[in-house]
Amino acid sequence: VDSPSSSSSSSSSLPSPLKCSLTRRNGSEAQQLDVISVIPMNATAMDYVLEWLRMHEGMYGISSCFMYHSGTSLPEPFVYAAEIACVLLGAKPIGMVQFTSPSDDETVYPLVDELCQHIVAFQALATEANPFPVDWEVFKYTYPETGADHETLIVYQKKRRYLVDALRPRGNVAQALHILPFPRNSNEEDRVSDLKEQLFLSYWNGKVLGYPDNMIEVYIQGFNTDLGVADRSEQIYRGKQAVLKLFAEPDFEPVTIGMGLDPPVDPRFWNSLPSVRGFSDLRRRAGIIGAADDEDSDEQSCTDYDASGGSC
């Protein structure tokens, strides 16, 4: 059964959940039960993620783009796609995707690979007349003791390039799922020094990315490390002092994650995602939507978009 108010455009709100009334009769007595669907009908997984971000923005005074896996009601497999979506929506300045590592690969999660490829394609096909505001870069770190490579795709709002350059350690090596530097095991002094540097850089990068102090401090205090409470607090203090100097620089603009930070990408980005277009085509073939629905939506064909100098 279809929701009565469906839309094929991913940029608009989801249709209202399906509600149906079931009546059970026992002689002259009637009992009515209203059933409401838990998952919205007539929507793609991308629609679901975007609507979740919209509905939870500002809840409890924080942005829905503060992705904290232990405290979000969004199903965890969608968290990684949501982080990328937050950059595209203009709510986060930078998103990080781990795609090469002996232990982790975020591209195996729903929509992540599709979104990353779409960003790369849109940026490659952008023109001066029809620019795309999000760019990308690959950061690579090689662990000296093992020679293992770790690579992270950085997606960012172009106007926030200065934040990408501010990520630490220097040299475009910061990783999405790995705290750097990896500890050296040559001697205990070097190992402890690296463990402290991990916490210091966690504070530094957290503030550069736009996270609030309390969230960063909770993360550091709960981080799995051999360092004690005093050492953790010391690195938090050290990080605060360093960040204050960074933010005092005349050309540096600190940011706070939240909707409205930067302009979002054109809705055609979402509508041209393969999974979204495929869902619309499926609905069209099934007769759920027709030409009239297409005329009312923001969706354009690849031919129309290419003709206007854009990308598809």
C-alpha atoms as a PDB file:
ATOM      1  CA  VAL A   1       0.000   0.000   0.000  1.00  0.00           C
ATOM      2  CA  ASP A   2       1.284   3.428  -0.893  1.00  0.00           C
ATOM      3  CA  SER A   3       1.461   6.562   1.201  1.00  0.00           C
ATOM      4  CA  PRO A   4      -1.030   9.064  -0.253  1.00  0.00           C
ATOM      5  CA  SER A   5       1.373  12.002  -0.360  1.00  0.00           C
ATOM      6  CA  SER A   6       4.471  10.678  -2.076  1.00  0.00           C
ATOM      7  CA  SER A   7       7.293  12.646  -3.631  1.00  0.00           C
ATOM      8  CA  SER A   8      10.186  11.517  -5.813  1.00  0.00           C
ATOM      9  CA  SER A   9      12.395  14.448  -4.849  1.00  0.00           C
ATOM     10  CA  SER A  10      15.001  13.748  -2.185  1.00  0.00           C
ATOM     11  CA  SER A  11      15.278  17.460  -1.394  1.00  0.00           C
ATOM     12  CA  SER A  12      11.755  17.665  -0.010  1.00  0.00           C
ATOM     13  CA  SER A  13      10.331  16.289   3.205  1.00  0.00           C
ATOM     14  CA  LEU A  14       9.344  12.681   3.384  1.00  0.00           C
ATOM     15  CA  PRO A  15       5.719  11.727   2.932  1.00  0.00           C
ATOM     16  CA  SER A  16       3.667  11.277   6.066  1.00  0.00           C
ATOM     17  CA  PRO A  17       3.905   7.759   7.473  1.00  0.00           C
ATOM     18  CA  LEU A  18       1.338   5.347   6.181  1.00  0.00           C
ATOM     19  CA  LYS A  19      -1.650   5.111   8.493  1.00  0.00           C
ATOM     20  CA  CYS A  20      -4.422   2.591   8.061  1.00  0.00           C
ATOM     21  CA  SER A  21      -7.376   1.657  10.219  1.00  0.00           C
ATOM     22  CA  LEU A  22      -8.269  -1.968  10.821  1.00  0.00           C
ATOM     23  CA  THR A  23     -11.751  -2.787  12.100  1.00  0.00           C
ATOM     24  CA  ARG A  24     -12.568  -6.061  13.792  1.00  0.00           C
ATOM     25  CA  ARG A  25     -16.243  -6.893  14.245  1.00  0.00           C
ATOM     26  CA  ASN A  26     -17.615  -9.327  16.784  1.00  0.00           C
ATOM     27  CA  GLY A  27     -21.340  -9.339  16.249  1.00  0.00           C
ATOM     28  CA  SER A  28     -22.559  -5.798  16.851  1.00  0.00           C
ATOM     29  CA  GLU A  29     -19.325  -4.766  18.571  1.00  0.00           C
ATOM     30  CA  ALA A  30     -16.550  -3.150  16.507  1.00  0.00           C
ATOM     31  CA  GLN A  31     -12.957  -2.644  17.551  1.00  0.00           C
ATOM     32  CA  GLN A  32     -10.735  -0.249  15.595  1.00  0.00           C
ATOM     33  CA  LEU A  33      -6.943  -0.352  15.502  1.00  0.00           C
ATOM     34  CA  ASP A  34      -4.876   2.384  13.860  1.00  0.00           C
ATOM     35  CA  VAL A  35      -1.591   1.118  12.422  1.00  0.00           C
ATOM     36  CA  ILE A  36       1.197   3.560  11.546  1.00  0.00           C
ATOM     37  CA  SER A  37       4.267   2.420   9.628  1.00  0.00           C
ATOM     38  CA  VAL A  38       7.570   2.658  11.470  1.00  0.00           C
ATOM     39  CA  ILE A  39       9.627   3.244   8.319  1.00  0.00           C
ATOM     40  CA  PRO A  40       8.304   5.848   5.839  1.00  0.00           C
ATOM     41  CA  MET A  41       6.917   4.433   2.613  1.00  0.00           C
ATOM     42  CA  ASN A  42       7.785   5.719  -0.868  1.00  0.00           C
ATOM     43  CA  ALA A  43      11.238   6.865   0.188  1.00  0.00           C
ATOM     44  CA  THR A  44      14.817   5.840  -0.482  1.00  0.00           C
ATOM     45  CA  ALA A  45      17.464   5.198   2.159  1.00  0.00           C
ATOM     46  CA  MET A  46      18.931   8.596   1.278  1.00  0.00           C
ATOM     47  CA  ASP A  47      15.551  10.237   1.894  1.00  0.00           C
ATOM     48  CA  TYR A  48      15.460   8.557   5.292  1.00  0.00           C
ATOM     49  CA  VAL A  49      18.899   9.884   6.273  1.00  0.00           C
ATOM     50  CA  LEU A  50      18.167  13.429   5.082  1.00  0.00           C
ATOM     51  CA  GLU A  51      14.822  13.524   6.852  1.00  0.00           C
ATOM     52  CA  TRP A  52      16.381  12.225  10.062  1.00  0.00           C
ATOM     53  CA  LEU A  53      18.935  15.041   9.953  1.00  0.00           C
ATOM     54  CA  ARG A  54      16.203  17.600   9.330  1.00  0.00           C
ATOM     55  CA  MET A  55      13.903  16.323  12.060  1.00  0.00           C
ATOM     56  CA  HIS A  56      16.629  16.138  14.725  1.00  0.00           C
ATOM     57  CA  GLU A  57      18.389  19.435  13.982  1.00  0.00           C
ATOM     58  CA  GLY A  58      18.513  21.541  17.135  1.00  0.00           C
ATOM     59  CA  MET A  59      17.126  18.809  19.368  1.00  0.00           C
ATOM     60  CA  TYR A  60      18.482  19.222  22.921  1.00  0.00           C
ATOM     61  CA  GLY A  61      20.231  22.343  21.696  1.00  0.00           C
ATOM     62  CA  ILE A  62      22.720  20.587  19.395  1.00  0.00           C
ATOM     63  CA  SER A  63      22.927  19.909  15.692  1.00  0.00           C
ATOM     64  CA  SER A  64      21.857  16.572  14.250  1.00  0.00           C
ATOM     65  CA  CYS A  65      25.265  16.575  12.539  1.00  0.00           C
ATOM     66  CA  PHE A  66      27.082  16.016  15.838  1.00  0.00           C
ATOM     67  CA  MET A  67      27.608  12.371  15.005  1.00  0.00           C
ATOM     68  CA  TYR A  68      28.293  10.520  18.222  1.00  0.00           C
ATOM     69  CA  HIS A  69      27.712   6.821  17.573  1.00  0.00           C
ATOM     70  CA  SER A  70      26.791   6.001  21.159  1.00  0.00           C
ATOM     71  CA  GLY A  71      24.187   8.737  21.400  1.00  0.00           C
ATOM     72  CA  THR A  72      22.321   8.857  18.108  1.00  0.00           C
ATOM     73  CA  SER A  73      18.969   7.347  17.253  1.00  0.00           C
ATOM     74  CA  LEU A  74      19.993   7.036  13.606  1.00  0.00           C
ATOM     75  CA  PRO A  75      20.786   3.362  12.848  1.00  0.00           C
ATOM     76  CA  GLU A  76      24.563   3.107  13.075  1.00  0.00           C
ATOM     77  CA  PRO A  77      25.141   1.803   9.508  1.00  0.00           C
ATOM     78  CA  PHE A  78      23.727   5.133   8.240  1.00  0.00           C
ATOM     79  CA  VAL A  79      25.920   7.323  10.466  1.00  0.00           C
ATOM     80  CA  TYR A  80      28.799   7.326   7.984  1.00  0.00           C
ATOM     81  CA  ALA A  81      26.575   8.418   5.077  1.00  0.00           C
ATOM     82  CA  ALA A  82      24.961  11.039   7.317  1.00  0.00           C
ATOM     83  CA  GLU A  83      28.350  12.592   8.056  1.00  0.00           C
ATOM     84  CA  ILE A  84      28.980  13.063   4.336  1.00  0.00           C
ATOM     85  CA  ALA A  85      25.435  14.351   3.856  1.00  0.00           C
ATOM     86  CA  CYS A  86      26.072  16.964   6.551  1.00  0.00           C
ATOM     87  CA  VAL A  87      28.937  18.396   4.471  1.00  0.00           C
ATOM     88  CA  LEU A  88      26.739  18.470   1.368  1.00  0.00           C
ATOM     89  CA  LEU A  89      23.943  20.139   3.368  1.00  0.00           C
ATOM     90  CA  GLY A  90      26.369  22.850   4.508  1.00  0.00           C
ATOM     91  CA  ALA A  91      26.163  21.831   8.175  1.00  0.00           C
ATOM     92  CA  LYS A  92      29.701  20.445   8.513  1.00  0.00           C
ATOM     93  CA  PRO A  93      32.835  21.974   7.013  1.00  0.00           C
ATOM     94  CA  ILE A  94      34.682  18.660   6.622  1.00  0.00           C
ATOM     95  CA  GLY A  95      33.800  14.966   6.389  1.00  0.00           C
ATOM     96  CA  MET A  96      36.307  12.107   6.593  1.00  0.00           C
ATOM     97  CA  VAL A  97      35.907   8.625   5.092  1.00  0.00           C
ATOM     98  CA  GLN A  98      38.357   5.826   5.905  1.00  0.00           C
ATOM     99  CA  PHE A  99      38.741   3.711   2.774  1.00  0.00           C
ATOM    100  CA  THR A 100      42.166   2.083   3.115  1.00  0.00           C
ATOM    101  CA  SER A 101      43.244   0.434   6.344  1.00  0.00           C
ATOM    102  CA  PRO A 102      44.127  -3.069   7.560  1.00  0.00           C
ATOM    103  CA  SER A 103      41.219  -2.877  10.015  1.00  0.00           C
ATOM    104  CA  ASP A 104      38.579  -0.385   8.813  1.00  0.00           C
ATOM    105  CA  ASP A 105      36.733   0.554   5.629  1.00  0.00           C
ATOM    106  CA  GLU A 106      33.763   2.923   5.867  1.00  0.00           C
ATOM    107  CA  THR A 107      32.818   2.467   2.204  1.00  0.00           C
ATOM    108  CA  VAL A 108      31.211  -0.881   3.032  1.00  0.00           C
ATOM    109  CA  TYR A 109      28.372   0.955   4.796  1.00  0.00           C
ATOM    110  CA  PRO A 110      25.164   1.982   2.975  1.00  0.00           C
ATOM    111  CA  LEU A 111      25.376   4.950   0.584  1.00  0.00           C
ATOM    112  CA  VAL A 112      28.965   5.885   1.516  1.00  0.00           C
ATOM    113  CA  ASP A 113      30.652   4.671  -1.679  1.00  0.00           C
ATOM    114  CA  GLU A 114      27.831   6.080  -3.802  1.00  0.00           C
ATOM    115  CA  LEU A 115      28.042   9.525  -2.192  1.00  0.00           C
ATOM    116  CA  CYS A 116      31.832   9.649  -2.478  1.00  0.00           C
ATOM    117  CA  GLN A 117      31.802   8.709  -6.158  1.00  0.00           C
ATOM    118  CA  HIS A 118      29.053  11.247  -6.833  1.00  0.00           C
ATOM    119  CA  ILE A 119      31.041  14.024  -5.162  1.00  0.00           C
ATOM    120  CA  VAL A 120      34.114  13.180  -7.243  1.00  0.00           C
ATOM    121  CA  ALA A 121      32.021  13.115 -10.451  1.00  0.00           C
ATOM    122  CA  PHE A 122      30.238  16.393  -9.707  1.00  0.00           C
ATOM    123  CA  GLN A 123      33.527  18.133  -8.922  1.00  0.00           C
ATOM    124  CA  ALA A 124      35.149  16.807 -12.115  1.00  0.00           C
ATOM    125  CA  LEU A 125      32.262  18.061 -14.245  1.00  0.00           C
ATOM    126  CA  ALA A 126      31.850  21.419 -12.501  1.00  0.00           C
ATOM    127  CA  THR A 127      32.355  24.565 -14.548  1.00  0.00           C
ATOM    128  CA  GLU A 128      32.952  28.195 -13.676  1.00  0.00           C
ATOM    129  CA  ALA A 129      29.360  28.955 -14.666  1.00  0.00           C
ATOM    130  CA  ASN A 130      27.994  25.982 -12.726  1.00  0.00           C
ATOM    131  CA  PRO A 131      30.379  25.339  -9.801  1.00  0.00           C
ATOM    132  CA  PHE A 132      30.121  22.617  -7.185  1.00  0.00           C
ATOM    133  CA  PRO A 133      30.884  23.870  -3.641  1.00  0.00           C
ATOM    134  CA  VAL A 134      32.296  20.605  -2.242  1.00  0.00           C
ATOM    135  CA  ASP A 135      35.785  19.343  -3.036  1.00  0.00           C
ATOM    136  CA  TRP A 136      37.836  16.322  -1.977  1.00  0.00           C
ATOM    137  CA  GLU A 137      41.364  15.194  -1.224  1.00  0.00           C
ATOM    138  CA  VAL A 138      43.043  11.986  -0.064  1.00  0.00           C
ATOM    139  CA  PHE A 139      45.119  11.973   3.137  1.00  0.00           C
ATOM    140  CA  LYS A 140      47.597   9.109   3.533  1.00  0.00           C
ATOM    141  CA  TYR A 141      49.485   7.877   6.584  1.00  0.00           C
ATOM    142  CA  THR A 142      52.034   5.067   6.551  1.00  0.00           C
ATOM    143  CA  TYR A 143      52.883   3.508   9.905  1.00  0.00           C
ATOM    144  CA  PRO A 144      56.708   3.376   9.990  1.00  0.00           C
ATOM    145  CA  GLU A 145      56.876   0.238  12.136  1.00  0.00           C
ATOM    146  CA  THR A 146      54.731  -1.923   9.835  1.00  0.00           C
ATOM    147  CA  GLY A 147      54.678  -0.083   6.514  1.00  0.00           C
ATOM    148  CA  ALA A 148      50.860  -0.374   6.479  1.00  0.00           C
ATOM    149  CA  ASP A 149      49.037   2.349   4.548  1.00  0.00           C
ATOM    150  CA  HIS A 150      45.980   4.148   5.861  1.00  0.00           C
ATOM    151  CA  GLU A 151      44.021   6.434   3.531  1.00  0.00           C
ATOM    152  CA  THR A 152      41.126   8.772   4.210  1.00  0.00           C
ATOM    153  CA  LEU A 153      38.988  10.669   1.732  1.00  0.00           C
ATOM    154  CA  ILE A 154      38.498  14.252   2.924  1.00  0.00           C
ATOM    155  CA  VAL A 155      35.344  15.924   1.574  1.00  0.00           C
ATOM    156  CA  TYR A 156      34.971  19.581   2.430  1.00  0.00           C
ATOM    157  CA  GLN A 157      33.245  22.828   1.622  1.00  0.00           C
ATOM    158  CA  LYS A 158      35.641  24.752  -0.646  1.00  0.00           C
ATOM    159  CA  LYS A 159      35.310  27.925   1.395  1.00  0.00           C
ATOM    160  CA  ARG A 160      36.596  25.938   4.412  1.00  0.00           C
ATOM    161  CA  ARG A 161      39.845  24.838   2.790  1.00  0.00           C
ATOM    162  CA  TYR A 162      41.792  26.595   5.562  1.00  0.00           C
ATOM    163  CA  LEU A 163      40.318  24.099   8.052  1.00  0.00           C
ATOM    164  CA  VAL A 164      41.606  21.161   5.987  1.00  0.00           C
ATOM    165  CA  ASP A 165      45.070  22.735   6.073  1.00  0.00           C
ATOM    166  CA  ALA A 166      44.793  23.125   9.864  1.00  0.00           C
ATOM    167  CA  LEU A 167      44.247  19.407  10.546  1.00  0.00           C
ATOM    168  CA  ARG A 168      47.063  17.710  12.416  1.00  0.00           C
ATOM    169  CA  PRO A 169      49.501  15.955  12.215  1.00  0.00           C
ATOM    170  CA  ARG A 170      50.876  18.164   9.455  1.00  0.00           C
ATOM    171  CA  GLY A 171      51.440  16.804   5.990  1.00  0.00           C
ATOM    172  CA  ASN A 172      47.925  15.691   4.993  1.00  0.00           C
ATOM    173  CA  VAL A 173      48.029  12.505   7.038  1.00  0.00           C
ATOM    174  CA  ALA A 174      45.053  12.808   9.462  1.00  0.00           C
ATOM    175  CA  GLN A 175      42.765   9.758   9.366  1.00  0.00           C
ATOM    176  CA  ALA A 176      39.041   9.273   9.907  1.00  0.00           C
ATOM    177  CA  LEU A 177      39.094   6.249  12.217  1.00  0.00           C
ATOM    178  CA  HIS A 178      42.654   6.258  13.541  1.00  0.00           C
ATOM    179  CA  ILE A 179      44.120   8.576  16.163  1.00  0.00           C
ATOM    180  CA  LEU A 180      47.596   9.700  15.111  1.00  0.00           C
ATOM    181  CA  PRO A 181      50.457   9.338  15.616  1.00  0.00           C
ATOM    182  CA  PHE A 182      50.550   5.579  16.108  1.00  0.00           C
ATOM    183  CA  PRO A 183      52.716   4.911  19.187  1.00  0.00           C
ATOM    184  CA  ARG A 184      56.346   4.023  18.668  1.00  0.00           C
ATOM    185  CA  ASN A 185      57.381   0.913  20.551  1.00  0.00           C
ATOM    186  CA  SER A 186      61.138   1.521  20.487  1.00  0.00           C
ATOM    187  CA  ASN A 187      61.142   2.676  24.112  1.00  0.00           C
ATOM    188  CA  GLU A 188      58.665   3.641  26.814  1.00  0.00           C
ATOM    189  CA  GLU A 189      59.445   7.360  26.686  1.00  0.00           C
ATOM    190  CA  ASP A 190      58.620   7.584  22.965  1.00  0.00           C
ATOM    191  CA  ARG A 191      55.468   5.514  23.427  1.00  0.00           C
ATOM    192  CA  VAL A 192      54.125   7.732  26.207  1.00  0.00           C
ATOM    193  CA  SER A 193      55.019  10.853  24.224  1.00  0.00           C
ATOM    194  CA  ASP A 194      53.004   9.567  21.248  1.00  0.00           C
ATOM    195  CA  LEU A 195      50.027   8.640  23.454  1.00  0.00           C
ATOM    196  CA  LYS A 196      49.953  12.188  24.822  1.00  0.00           C
ATOM    197  CA  GLU A 197      50.223  13.623  21.328  1.00  0.00           C
ATOM    198  CA  GLN A 198      47.205  11.528  20.292  1.00  0.00           C
ATOM    199  CA  LEU A 199      45.038  13.215  22.919  1.00  0.00           C
ATOM    200  CA  PHE A 200      46.382  16.689  22.183  1.00  0.00           C
ATOM    201  CA  LEU A 201      45.694  16.318  18.466  1.00  0.00           C
ATOM    202  CA  SER A 202      42.243  14.870  19.197  1.00  0.00           C
ATOM    203  CA  TYR A 203      41.359  18.110  20.964  1.00  0.00           C
ATOM    204  CA  TRP A 204      42.960  20.232  18.234  1.00  0.00           C
ATOM    205  CA  ASN A 205      41.224  18.479  15.342  1.00  0.00           C
ATOM    206  CA  GLY A 206      37.910  18.354  17.184  1.00  0.00           C
ATOM    207  CA  LYS A 207      37.871  22.131  17.575  1.00  0.00           C
ATOM    208  CA  VAL A 208      39.020  22.686  13.986  1.00  0.00           C
ATOM    209  CA  LEU A 209      36.138  20.486  12.780  1.00  0.00           C
ATOM    210  CA  GLY A 210      33.608  22.483  14.807  1.00  0.00           C
ATOM    211  CA  TYR A 211      32.781  20.206  17.747  1.00  0.00           C
ATOM    212  CA  PRO A 212      31.960  21.688  21.186  1.00  0.00           C
ATOM    213  CA  ASP A 213      34.373  21.523  24.106  1.00  0.00           C
ATOM    214  CA  ASN A 214      32.268  19.214  26.258  1.00  0.00           C
ATOM    215  CA  MET A 215      31.934  16.595  23.520  1.00  0.00           C
ATOM    216  CA  ILE A 216      35.674  16.609  22.823  1.00  0.00           C
ATOM    217  CA  GLU A 217      36.555  16.401  26.503  1.00  0.00           C
ATOM    218  CA  VAL A 218      34.180  13.471  27.092  1.00  0.00           C
ATOM    219  CA  TYR A 219      35.751  11.721  24.106  1.00  0.00           C
ATOM    220  CA  ILE A 220      39.292  12.231  25.429  1.00  0.00           C
ATOM    221  CA  GLN A 221      38.451  11.248  28.999  1.00  0.00           C
ATOM    222  CA  GLY A 222      36.856   8.032  27.736  1.00  0.00           C
ATOM    223  CA  PHE A 223      39.465   7.226  25.099  1.00  0.00           C
ATOM    224  CA  ASN A 224      41.069   3.775  25.386  1.00  0.00           C
ATOM    225  CA  THR A 225      44.643   4.614  26.355  1.00  0.00           C
ATOM    226  CA  ASP A 226      47.162   3.739  29.050  1.00  0.00           C
ATOM    227  CA  LEU A 227      47.353   7.374  30.185  1.00  0.00           C
ATOM    228  CA  GLY A 228      45.793   8.336  33.502  1.00  0.00           C
ATOM    229  CA  VAL A 229      43.263  11.046  34.303  1.00  0.00           C
ATOM    230  CA  ALA A 230      45.933  13.636  35.081  1.00  0.00           C
ATOM    231  CA  ASP A 231      47.675  13.116  31.729  1.00  0.00           C
ATOM    232  CA  ARG A 232      44.359  13.343  29.882  1.00  0.00           C
ATOM    233  CA  SER A 233      43.454  16.603  31.607  1.00  0.00           C
ATOM    234  CA  GLU A 234      46.924  17.964  30.877  1.00  0.00           C
ATOM    235  CA  GLN A 235      46.528  17.326  27.133  1.00  0.00           C
ATOM    236  CA  ILE A 236      43.052  18.876  27.116  1.00  0.00           C
ATOM    237  CA  TYR A 237      44.517  22.021  28.720  1.00  0.00           C
ATOM    238  CA  ARG A 238      47.419  22.007  26.272  1.00  0.00           C
ATOM    239  CA  GLY A 239      44.984  21.652  23.373  1.00  0.00           C
ATOM    240  CA  LYS A 240      42.839  24.552  24.591  1.00  0.00           C
ATOM    241  CA  GLN A 241      45.832  26.878  24.795  1.00  0.00           C
ATOM    242  CA  ALA A 242      47.015  25.917  21.307  1.00  0.00           C
ATOM    243  CA  VAL A 243      43.559  26.318  19.773  1.00  0.00           C
ATOM    244  CA  LEU A 244      43.091  29.747  21.373  1.00  0.00           C
ATOM    245  CA  LYS A 245      46.239  30.914  19.570  1.00  0.00           C
ATOM    246  CA  LEU A 246      45.020  29.396  16.300  1.00  0.00           C
ATOM    247  CA  PHE A 247      41.600  31.034  16.549  1.00  0.00           C
ATOM    248  CA  ALA A 248      43.233  34.384  17.334  1.00  0.00           C
ATOM    249  CA  GLU A 249      44.949  34.468  13.950  1.00  0.00           C
ATOM    250  CA  PRO A 250      43.400  37.257  11.831  1.00  0.00           C
ATOM    251  CA  ASP A 251      42.482  35.089   8.808  1.00  0.00           C
ATOM    252  CA  PHE A 252      41.165  32.106  10.752  1.00  0.00           C
ATOM    253  CA  GLU A 253      37.376  31.784  11.164  1.00  0.00           C
ATOM    254  CA  PRO A 254      36.325  29.182  13.771  1.00  0.00           C
ATOM    255  CA  VAL A 255      33.172  27.217  12.930  1.00  0.00           C
ATOM    256  CA  THR A 256      30.457  25.392  14.831  1.00  0.00           C
ATOM    257  CA  ILE A 257      28.696  22.443  13.231  1.00  0.00           C
ATOM    258  CA  GLY A 258      25.053  23.131  12.411  1.00  0.00           C
ATOM    259  CA  MET A 259      22.568  23.663   9.601  1.00  0.00           C
ATOM    260  CA  GLY A 260      23.059  27.043   7.945  1.00  0.00           C
ATOM    261  CA  LEU A 261      26.841  27.113   8.383  1.00  0.00           C
ATOM    262  CA  ASP A 262      27.333  27.032   4.594  1.00  0.00           C
ATOM    263  CA  PRO A 263      24.945  26.879   1.601  1.00  0.00           C
ATOM    264  CA  PRO A 264      23.807  23.344   0.652  1.00  0.00           C
ATOM    265  CA  VAL A 265      24.491  21.720  -2.695  1.00  0.00           C
ATOM    266  CA  ASP A 266      21.913  21.976  -5.456  1.00  0.00           C
ATOM    267  CA  PRO A 267      18.999  19.512  -4.954  1.00  0.00           C
ATOM    268  CA  ARG A 268      19.906  17.957  -8.299  1.00  0.00           C
ATOM    269  CA  PHE A 269      22.868  16.324  -6.577  1.00  0.00           C
ATOM    270  CA  TRP A 270      20.519  14.198  -4.469  1.00  0.00           C
ATOM    271  CA  ASN A 271      18.052  13.524  -7.277  1.00  0.00           C
ATOM    272  CA  SER A 272      20.791  12.263  -9.595  1.00  0.00           C
ATOM    273  CA  LEU A 273      22.193   9.735  -7.108  1.00  0.00           C
ATOM    274  CA  PRO A 274      21.928   6.303  -8.786  1.00  0.00           C
ATOM    275  CA  SER A 275      19.914   4.775  -5.947  1.00  0.00           C
ATOM    276  CA  VAL A 276      17.456   7.691  -5.941  1.00  0.00           C
ATOM    277  CA  ARG A 277      17.045   7.749  -9.723  1.00  0.00           C
ATOM    278  CA  GLY A 278      16.691   3.973  -9.770  1.00  0.00           C
ATOM    279  CA  PHE A 279      13.954   4.133  -7.156  1.00  0.00           C
ATOM    280  CA  SER A 280      12.082   6.788  -9.155  1.00  0.00           C
ATOM    281  CA  ASP A 281      12.405   4.710 -12.334  1.00  0.00           C
ATOM    282  CA  LEU A 282      11.082   1.664 -10.487  1.00  0.00           C
ATOM    283  CA  ARG A 283       8.102   3.639  -9.192  1.00  0.00           C
ATOM    284  CA  ARG A 284       7.465   5.012 -12.661  1.00  0.00           C
ATOM    285  CA  ARG A 285       7.496   1.559 -14.246  1.00  0.00           C
ATOM    286  CA  ALA A 286       5.143   0.315 -11.546  1.00  0.00           C
ATOM    287  CA  GLY A 287       2.741   3.130 -12.368  1.00  0.00           C
ATOM    288  CA  ILE A 288       3.071   4.709  -8.914  1.00  0.00           C
ATOM    289  CA  ILE A 289       4.195   8.016 -10.433  1.00  0.00           C
ATOM    290  CA  GLY A 290       3.656   9.330 -13.927  1.00  0.00           C
ATOM    291  CA  ALA A 291       4.552  12.245 -16.146  1.00  0.00           C
ATOM    292  CA  ALA A 292       2.550  14.711 -14.075  1.00  0.00           C
ATOM    293  CA  ASP A 293       4.596  13.860 -10.984  1.00  0.00           C
ATOM    294  CA  ASP A 294       7.834  14.353 -12.893  1.00  0.00           C
ATOM    295  CA  GLU A 295       6.727  17.784 -14.080  1.00  0.00           C
ATOM    296  CA  ASP A 296       6.051  18.887 -10.513  1.00  0.00           C
ATOM    297  CA  SER A 297       9.350  17.610  -9.106  1.00  0.00           C
ATOM    298  CA  ASP A 298      12.799  19.190  -9.129  1.00  0.00           C
ATOM    299  CA  GLU A 299      14.239  16.129 -10.815  1.00  0.00           C
ATOM    300  CA  GLN A 300      15.836  16.635 -14.232  1.00  0.00           C
ATOM    301  CA  SER A 301      17.064  14.116 -16.713  1.00  0.00           C
ATOM    302  CA  CYS A 302      20.767  13.694 -17.390  1.00  0.00           C
ATOM    303  CA  THR A 303      20.275  15.269 -20.811  1.00  0.00           C
ATOM    304  CA  ASP A 304      18.622  18.370 -19.346  1.00  0.00           C
ATOM    305  CA  TYR A 305      21.311  18.803 -16.724  1.00  0.00           C
ATOM    306  CA  ASP A 306      24.207  18.283 -19.143  1.00  0.00           C
ATOM    307  CA  ALA A 307      22.716  20.811 -21.535  1.00  0.00           C
ATOM    308  CA  SER A 308      22.754  23.448 -18.807  1.00  0.00           C
ATOM    309  CA  GLY A 309      26.476  22.979 -18.275  1.00  0.00           C
ATOM    310  CA  GLY A 310      26.158  20.902 -15.132  1.00  0.00           C
ATOM    311  CA  SER A 311      26.730  17.269 -14.355  1.00  0.00           C
ATOM    312  CA  CYS A 312      24.604  14.203 -13.757  1.00  0.00           C
END
